[in-house]
C-alpha atoms as a PDB file:
ATOM      1  CA  UNK A   1     -94.248 -25.628 -16.571  1.00  0.00           C
ATOM      2  CA  UNK A   2     -91.347 -25.367 -15.028  1.00  0.00           C
ATOM      3  CA  UNK A   3     -89.560 -22.248 -14.378  1.00  0.00           C
ATOM      4  CA  UNK A   4     -86.453 -20.795 -16.064  1.00  0.00           C
ATOM      5  CA  UNK A   5     -84.295 -17.792 -15.720  1.00  0.00           C
ATOM      6  CA  UNK A   6     -86.442 -15.815 -18.599  1.00  0.00           C
ATOM      7  CA  UNK A   7     -89.691 -16.598 -16.305  1.00  0.00           C
ATOM      8  CA  UNK A   8     -87.693 -15.192 -12.670  1.00  0.00           C
ATOM      9  CA  UNK A   9     -86.736 -11.990 -14.681  1.00  0.00           C
ATOM     10  CA  UNK A  10     -90.189 -11.417 -16.054  1.00  0.00           C
ATOM     11  CA  UNK A  11     -91.490 -11.660 -12.803  1.00  0.00           C
ATOM     12  CA  UNK A  12     -88.953  -9.140 -11.412  1.00  0.00           C
ATOM     13  CA  UNK A  13     -89.403  -6.601 -14.414  1.00  0.00           C
ATOM     14  CA  UNK A  14     -93.006  -6.970 -14.160  1.00  0.00           C
ATOM     15  CA  UNK A  15     -93.070  -6.048 -10.452  1.00  0.00           C
ATOM     16  CA  UNK A  16     -90.618  -3.231 -10.817  1.00  0.00           C
ATOM     17  CA  UNK A  17     -92.855  -1.920 -13.640  1.00  0.00           C
ATOM     18  CA  UNK A  18     -95.674  -2.162 -11.224  1.00  0.00           C
ATOM     19  CA  UNK A  19     -94.564   0.174  -8.844  1.00  0.00           C
ATOM     20  CA  UNK A  20     -92.335   2.776 -10.841  1.00  0.00           C
ATOM     21  CA  UNK A  21     -94.723   5.610 -11.165  1.00  0.00           C
ATOM     22  CA  UNK A  22     -94.848   5.007  -6.820  1.00  0.00           C
ATOM     23  CA  UNK A  23     -93.419   7.666  -4.867  1.00  0.00           C
ATOM     24  CA  UNK A  24     -91.968   6.469  -1.879  1.00  0.00           C
ATOM     25  CA  UNK A  25     -88.770   4.289  -2.869  1.00  0.00           C
ATOM     26  CA  UNK A  26     -88.411   2.923   0.709  1.00  0.00           C
ATOM     27  CA  UNK A  27     -91.762   1.274   0.236  1.00  0.00           C
ATOM     28  CA  UNK A  28     -90.847   0.223  -3.655  1.00  0.00           C
ATOM     29  CA  UNK A  29     -87.340  -0.966  -2.112  1.00  0.00           C
ATOM     30  CA  UNK A  30     -89.011  -3.329   0.419  1.00  0.00           C
ATOM     31  CA  UNK A  31     -91.607  -4.554  -1.525  1.00  0.00           C
ATOM     32  CA  UNK A  32     -88.731  -5.328  -4.313  1.00  0.00           C
ATOM     33  CA  UNK A  33     -87.171  -7.200  -2.112  1.00  0.00           C
ATOM     34  CA  UNK A  34     -90.416  -9.323  -1.008  1.00  0.00           C
ATOM     35  CA  UNK A  35     -90.519 -10.174  -4.279  1.00  0.00           C
ATOM     36  CA  UNK A  36     -86.947 -11.105  -4.535  1.00  0.00           C
ATOM     37  CA  UNK A  37     -86.813 -13.075  -1.783  1.00  0.00           C
ATOM     38  CA  UNK A  38     -89.421 -14.959  -2.738  1.00  0.00           C
ATOM     39  CA  UNK A  39     -88.052 -16.377  -5.941  1.00  0.00           C
ATOM     40  CA  UNK A  40     -85.000 -16.987  -3.732  1.00  0.00           C
ATOM     41  CA  UNK A  41     -86.727 -19.441  -2.133  1.00  0.00           C
ATOM     42  CA  UNK A  42     -88.631 -21.398  -4.673  1.00  0.00           C
ATOM     43  CA  UNK A  43     -90.394 -24.950  -4.230  1.00  0.00           C
ATOM     44  CA  UNK A  44     -90.071 -27.490  -6.833  1.00  0.00           C
ATOM     45  CA  UNK A  45     -93.948 -26.908  -7.718  1.00  0.00           C
ATOM     46  CA  UNK A  46     -93.419 -23.006  -8.356  1.00  0.00           C
ATOM     47  CA  UNK A  47     -94.503 -21.712 -11.647  1.00  0.00           C
ATOM     48  CA  UNK A  48     -94.289 -18.600 -13.115  1.00  0.00           C
ATOM     49  CA  UNK A  49     -98.893 -18.060 -13.780  1.00  0.00           C
ATOM     50  CA  UNK A  50     -98.868 -19.427  -9.711  1.00  0.00           C
ATOM     51  CA  UNK A  51     -96.033 -16.644  -8.980  1.00  0.00           C
ATOM     52  CA  UNK A  52     -97.531 -13.889 -10.817  1.00  0.00           C
ATOM     53  CA  UNK A  53    -100.830 -14.556  -8.406  1.00  0.00           C
ATOM     54  CA  UNK A  54     -99.366 -14.237  -5.572  1.00  0.00           C
ATOM     55  CA  UNK A  55     -97.605 -11.460  -6.514  1.00  0.00           C
ATOM     56  CA  UNK A  56    -100.668  -9.717  -7.624  1.00  0.00           C
ATOM     57  CA  UNK A  57    -101.883 -10.505  -4.022  1.00  0.00           C
ATOM     58  CA  UNK A  58     -98.943  -9.283  -2.449  1.00  0.00           C
ATOM     59  CA  UNK A  59     -99.072  -5.938  -4.633  1.00  0.00           C
ATOM     60  CA  UNK A  60    -102.606  -5.486  -3.499  1.00  0.00           C
ATOM     61  CA  UNK A  61    -101.571  -5.684   0.035  1.00  0.00           C
ATOM     62  CA  UNK A  62     -98.964  -3.530  -0.112  1.00  0.00           C
ATOM     63  CA  UNK A  63    -100.203  -0.756  -2.153  1.00  0.00           C
ATOM     64  CA  UNK A  64    -104.070  -0.752  -1.505  1.00  0.00           C
ATOM     65  CA  UNK A  65    -105.239  -0.757  -4.996  1.00  0.00           C
ATOM     66  CA  UNK A  66    -105.802  -3.936  -7.309  1.00  0.00           C
ATOM     67  CA  UNK A  67    -102.981  -4.273 -10.532  1.00  0.00           C
ATOM     68  CA  UNK A  68    -104.634  -3.819 -13.799  1.00  0.00           C
ATOM     69  CA  UNK A  69    -106.796  -6.850 -14.586  1.00  0.00           C
ATOM     70  CA  UNK A  70    -106.444  -8.495 -18.013  1.00  0.00           C
ATOM     71  CA  UNK A  71    -109.970 -10.524 -17.828  1.00  0.00           C
ATOM     72  CA  UNK A  72    -111.559  -8.594 -20.705  1.00  0.00           C
ATOM     73  CA  UNK A  73    -108.650  -8.780 -22.937  1.00  0.00           C
ATOM     74  CA  UNK A  74    -107.910 -12.091 -22.378  1.00  0.00           C
ATOM     75  CA  UNK A  75    -111.621 -12.823 -23.287  1.00  0.00           C
ATOM     76  CA  UNK A  76    -111.096 -11.131 -26.455  1.00  0.00           C
ATOM     77  CA  UNK A  77    -108.062 -13.080 -27.531  1.00  0.00           C
ATOM     78  CA  UNK A  78    -109.756 -16.293 -26.459  1.00  0.00           C
ATOM     79  CA  UNK A  79    -112.462 -15.519 -28.521  1.00  0.00           C
ATOM     80  CA  UNK A  80    -109.977 -14.114 -31.523  1.00  0.00           C
ATOM     81  CA  UNK A  81    -108.192 -17.879 -31.165  1.00  0.00           C
ATOM     82  CA  UNK A  82    -111.719 -19.453 -31.214  1.00  0.00           C
ATOM     83  CA  UNK A  83    -112.699 -17.840 -34.389  1.00  0.00           C
ATOM     84  CA  UNK A  84    -109.461 -19.273 -36.127  1.00  0.00           C
ATOM     85  CA  UNK A  85    -110.154 -22.490 -34.300  1.00  0.00           C
ATOM     86  CA  UNK A  86    -111.152 -24.385 -38.120  1.00  0.00           C
ATOM     87  CA  UNK A  87    -108.752 -22.969 -40.517  1.00  0.00           C
ATOM     88  CA  UNK A  88    -105.765 -23.541 -37.816  1.00  0.00           C
ATOM     89  CA  UNK A  89    -106.709 -27.159 -37.818  1.00  0.00           C
ATOM     90  CA  UNK A  90    -106.959 -27.253 -41.754  1.00  0.00           C
ATOM     91  CA  UNK A  91    -103.840 -25.644 -41.933  1.00  0.00           C
ATOM     92  CA  UNK A  92    -101.899 -28.229 -39.542  1.00  0.00           C
ATOM     93  CA  UNK A  93    -104.012 -31.575 -41.191  1.00  0.00           C
ATOM     94  CA  UNK A  94    -103.010 -29.986 -44.792  1.00  0.00           C
ATOM     95  CA  UNK A  95     -98.981 -29.054 -44.059  1.00  0.00           C
ATOM     96  CA  UNK A  96     -96.409 -31.372 -45.262  1.00  0.00           C
ATOM     97  CA  UNK A  97     -95.412 -31.772 -41.509  1.00  0.00           C
ATOM     98  CA  UNK A  98     -98.513 -31.670 -39.147  1.00  0.00           C
ATOM     99  CA  UNK A  99     -96.358 -31.744 -35.959  1.00  0.00           C
ATOM    100  CA  UNK A 100     -94.672 -29.152 -36.799  1.00  0.00           C
ATOM    101  CA  UNK A 101     -97.266 -27.059 -37.986  1.00  0.00           C
ATOM    102  CA  UNK A 102     -98.847 -27.611 -34.811  1.00  0.00           C
ATOM    103  CA  UNK A 103     -96.011 -26.964 -32.337  1.00  0.00           C
ATOM    104  CA  UNK A 104     -95.798 -23.035 -34.314  1.00  0.00           C
ATOM    105  CA  UNK A 105     -99.097 -22.446 -33.334  1.00  0.00           C
ATOM    106  CA  UNK A 106     -98.701 -23.258 -30.103  1.00  0.00           C
ATOM    107  CA  UNK A 107     -95.908 -21.014 -29.535  1.00  0.00           C
ATOM    108  CA  UNK A 108     -96.946 -18.318 -31.308  1.00  0.00           C
ATOM    109  CA  UNK A 109    -100.092 -18.996 -29.087  1.00  0.00           C
ATOM    110  CA  UNK A 110     -97.764 -18.287 -26.265  1.00  0.00           C
ATOM    111  CA  UNK A 111     -97.676 -14.381 -27.773  1.00  0.00           C
ATOM    112  CA  UNK A 112    -100.563 -13.694 -25.593  1.00  0.00           C
ATOM    113  CA  UNK A 113     -99.543 -13.479 -22.282  1.00  0.00           C
ATOM    114  CA  UNK A 114    -100.435 -10.334 -20.595  1.00  0.00           C
ATOM    115  CA  UNK A 115     -98.545 -11.327 -17.446  1.00  0.00           C
ATOM    116  CA  UNK A 116     -94.845 -11.357 -19.469  1.00  0.00           C
ATOM    117  CA  UNK A 117     -96.042  -8.409 -22.354  1.00  0.00           C
ATOM    118  CA  UNK A 118     -97.100  -5.151 -21.403  1.00  0.00           C
ATOM    119  CA  UNK A 119     -98.221  -4.770 -25.265  1.00  0.00           C
ATOM    120  CA  UNK A 120    -100.218  -7.465 -27.145  1.00  0.00           C
ATOM    121  CA  UNK A 121    -101.717  -6.550 -30.509  1.00  0.00           C
ATOM    122  CA  UNK A 122    -104.324  -8.929 -32.247  1.00  0.00           C
ATOM    123  CA  UNK A 123    -102.208  -7.426 -35.852  1.00  0.00           C
ATOM    124  CA  UNK A 124     -98.911  -8.879 -34.445  1.00  0.00           C
ATOM    125  CA  UNK A 125    -100.346 -12.269 -33.761  1.00  0.00           C
ATOM    126  CA  UNK A 126    -102.452 -12.599 -37.207  1.00  0.00           C
ATOM    127  CA  UNK A 127     -99.134 -11.532 -38.491  1.00  0.00           C
ATOM    128  CA  UNK A 128     -97.090 -14.186 -36.915  1.00  0.00           C
ATOM    129  CA  UNK A 129     -99.726 -17.027 -37.805  1.00  0.00           C
ATOM    130  CA  UNK A 130     -99.537 -16.059 -41.123  1.00  0.00           C
ATOM    131  CA  UNK A 131     -96.224 -15.818 -41.936  1.00  0.00           C
ATOM    132  CA  UNK A 132     -95.057 -18.632 -39.390  1.00  0.00           C
ATOM    133  CA  UNK A 133     -91.965 -18.251 -37.202  1.00  0.00           C
ATOM    134  CA  UNK A 134     -88.785 -18.138 -38.438  1.00  0.00           C
ATOM    135  CA  UNK A 135     -85.470 -18.953 -36.553  1.00  0.00           C
ATOM    136  CA  UNK A 136     -84.063 -14.974 -36.940  1.00  0.00           C
ATOM    137  CA  UNK A 137     -87.196 -13.799 -35.785  1.00  0.00           C
ATOM    138  CA  UNK A 138     -87.432 -16.145 -32.525  1.00  0.00           C
ATOM    139  CA  UNK A 139     -86.285 -14.505 -28.980  1.00  0.00           C
ATOM    140  CA  UNK A 140     -83.815 -16.341 -27.128  1.00  0.00           C
ATOM    141  CA  UNK A 141     -86.493 -18.158 -24.986  1.00  0.00           C
ATOM    142  CA  UNK A 142     -88.583 -18.832 -28.260  1.00  0.00           C
ATOM    143  CA  UNK A 143     -85.297 -20.137 -30.192  1.00  0.00           C
ATOM    144  CA  UNK A 144     -84.740 -22.768 -27.026  1.00  0.00           C
ATOM    145  CA  UNK A 145     -88.539 -23.616 -27.435  1.00  0.00           C
ATOM    146  CA  UNK A 146     -88.029 -24.506 -30.759  1.00  0.00           C
ATOM    147  CA  UNK A 147     -84.684 -26.383 -30.449  1.00  0.00           C
ATOM    148  CA  UNK A 148     -87.001 -28.211 -27.264  1.00  0.00           C
ATOM    149  CA  UNK A 149     -89.911 -29.315 -29.137  1.00  0.00           C
ATOM    150  CA  UNK A 150     -87.722 -30.441 -32.193  1.00  0.00           C
ATOM    151  CA  UNK A 151     -86.167 -32.758 -29.942  1.00  0.00           C
ATOM    152  CA  UNK A 152     -88.915 -33.863 -28.719  1.00  0.00           C
ATOM    153  CA  UNK A 153     -90.291 -34.506 -31.979  1.00  0.00           C
ATOM    154  CA  UNK A 154     -87.383 -36.463 -33.161  1.00  0.00           C
ATOM    155  CA  UNK A 155     -87.692 -38.283 -30.120  1.00  0.00           C
ATOM    156  CA  UNK A 156     -91.163 -39.180 -30.714  1.00  0.00           C
ATOM    157  CA  UNK A 157     -90.589 -39.790 -34.299  1.00  0.00           C
ATOM    158  CA  UNK A 158     -87.645 -42.713 -33.448  1.00  0.00           C
ATOM    159  CA  UNK A 159     -89.849 -43.783 -30.655  1.00  0.00           C
END
């Protein structure tokens, strides 16, 4: 997974939101400067999940408390997706364009990102699964993803 500007903004916003209620402005400023310093010194192999893990450790070290643990929620959503696996596979296989359908489901699966979103809801995920994705409903990163996958699909078909 390659970093992009959306990933960087998300990392900054997530860290800022995690410290927003703390009273020590001087300490918050120093912490955010540390975060920004790390983000301005990226390595080629840096990616959003590894940076998030790194920031989780920095948060605990700086503030003396652990950040929110998403383990239980992740397991719950993983089970939900496992329960839907047969239905999704059948839908992909029966589609007039299986690759497109698989890419759409892949993108919907990316909705389950507890590090990036403050509230992930089962109902919204299921609505996305049942209605598909239209260009009008896509955020800018999702629209870029759709354009990239369309280009990749064209490349695969013509290759």
